Amino acid sequence: MKTIKDEWENFKSMVVPPGASELQKSEMKLAFYGGATVMLNIMSMVANMSTKEGFKLLEVCSKECENFVMERMLESKSKQN
C-alpha cells in the first residue's frame, strides 16, 4: 500500500532540486499535501453521490488535470522559442 507520504517522497526525489532551500521544500510539500487533501475531499463527495454523478465529477477533475498539463507544456514550449 502506498501512502501520501510515500507519494510525496517519490515526487520530491524526482522534482525537488538538490539545492532547493528549506522554504522551497516546505512550500512544495505544503502544496503537494494540499492537493492530496482536495482529492480526498472530492473522493468523499463521490462516495455520497450516485454512480453517474460520481463518475461525472471524476471525469471533470481528470479533464481539468489534463488541461493543466497541456497548458504547462504549451507555456514551456513557447518559452523555449
Protein backbone atom coordinates (compact mmCIF):
# COMPACT_ATOMS: atom_id res chain seq x y z
CA MET A 1 0.00 0.00 0.00
CA LYS A 2 1.33 3.42 -0.94
CA THR A 3 0.62 6.30 1.36
CA ILE A 4 0.51 10.02 0.62
CA LYS A 5 3.87 10.27 2.39
CA ASP A 6 5.29 7.60 0.04
CA GLU A 7 4.00 9.54 -2.95
CA TRP A 8 5.46 12.77 -1.56
CA GLU A 9 8.87 11.14 -1.12
CA ASN A 10 8.75 9.82 -4.68
CA PHE A 11 7.65 13.20 -6.05
CA LYS A 12 10.30 15.01 -4.02
CA SER A 13 13.06 12.74 -5.32
CA MET A 14 12.05 13.42 -8.93
CA VAL A 15 11.15 17.12 -8.80
CA VAL A 16 12.72 19.00 -5.90
CA PRO A 17 16.16 20.26 -6.96
CA PRO A 18 19.07 19.18 -4.74
CA GLY A 19 19.92 22.80 -3.92
CA ALA A 20 16.36 23.78 -3.01
CA SER A 21 16.05 25.97 0.06
CA GLU A 22 14.21 24.73 3.12
CA LEU A 23 11.46 27.26 2.37
CA GLN A 24 11.06 25.96 -1.18
CA LYS A 25 10.91 22.35 0.05
CA SER A 26 8.39 23.29 2.72
CA GLU A 27 6.18 25.19 0.26
CA MET A 28 6.30 22.34 -2.26
CA LYS A 29 5.34 19.84 0.43
CA LEU A 30 2.51 22.09 1.58
CA ALA A 31 1.20 22.36 -1.99
CA PHE A 32 1.52 18.58 -2.52
CA TYR A 33 -0.38 17.74 0.65
CA GLY A 34 -2.92 20.47 -0.14
CA GLY A 35 -3.63 18.78 -3.46
CA ALA A 36 -3.91 15.39 -1.77
CA THR A 37 -6.37 16.84 0.74
CA VAL A 38 -8.52 18.33 -2.01
CA MET A 39 -8.67 14.97 -3.79
CA LEU A 40 -9.59 13.19 -0.55
CA ASN A 41 -12.42 15.68 -0.09
CA ILE A 42 -13.59 15.08 -3.67
CA MET A 43 -13.43 11.31 -3.17
CA SER A 44 -15.58 11.70 -0.04
CA MET A 45 -18.13 13.63 -2.09
CA VAL A 46 -18.06 10.94 -4.79
CA ALA A 47 -18.76 8.27 -2.16
CA ASN A 48 -22.02 10.07 -1.34
CA MET A 49 -23.16 10.51 -4.96
CA SER A 50 -24.88 8.25 -7.40
CA THR A 51 -22.52 6.29 -9.63
CA LYS A 52 -23.39 8.53 -12.59
CA GLU A 53 -22.81 11.76 -10.65
CA GLY A 54 -19.59 10.46 -9.11
CA PHE A 55 -18.25 9.37 -12.47
CA LYS A 56 -19.08 12.77 -13.95
CA LEU A 57 -17.26 14.60 -11.15
CA LEU A 58 -14.17 12.41 -11.53
CA GLU A 59 -14.31 12.92 -15.30
CA VAL A 60 -14.39 16.72 -14.78
CA CYS A 61 -11.43 16.51 -12.37
CA SER A 62 -9.48 14.32 -14.78
CA LYS A 63 -10.11 16.71 -17.67
CA GLU A 64 -9.08 19.66 -15.51
CA CYS A 65 -5.76 17.94 -14.72
CA GLU A 66 -5.21 17.07 -18.39
CA ASN A 67 -5.87 20.69 -19.39
CA PHE A 68 -3.43 21.94 -16.76
CA VAL A 69 -0.68 19.66 -18.04
CA MET A 70 -1.33 20.70 -21.64
CA GLU A 71 -1.25 24.40 -20.72
CA ARG A 72 2.04 23.93 -18.87
CA MET A 73 3.54 22.08 -21.83
CA LEU A 74 2.47 24.86 -24.20
CA GLU A 75 3.87 27.54 -21.86
CA SER A 76 7.14 25.68 -21.62
CA LYS A 77 7.33 25.21 -25.38
CA SER A 78 6.63 28.91 -26.04
CA LYS A 79 9.39 29.94 -23.60
CA GLN A 80 11.87 27.76 -25.49
CA ASN A 81 11.12 29.53 -28.79
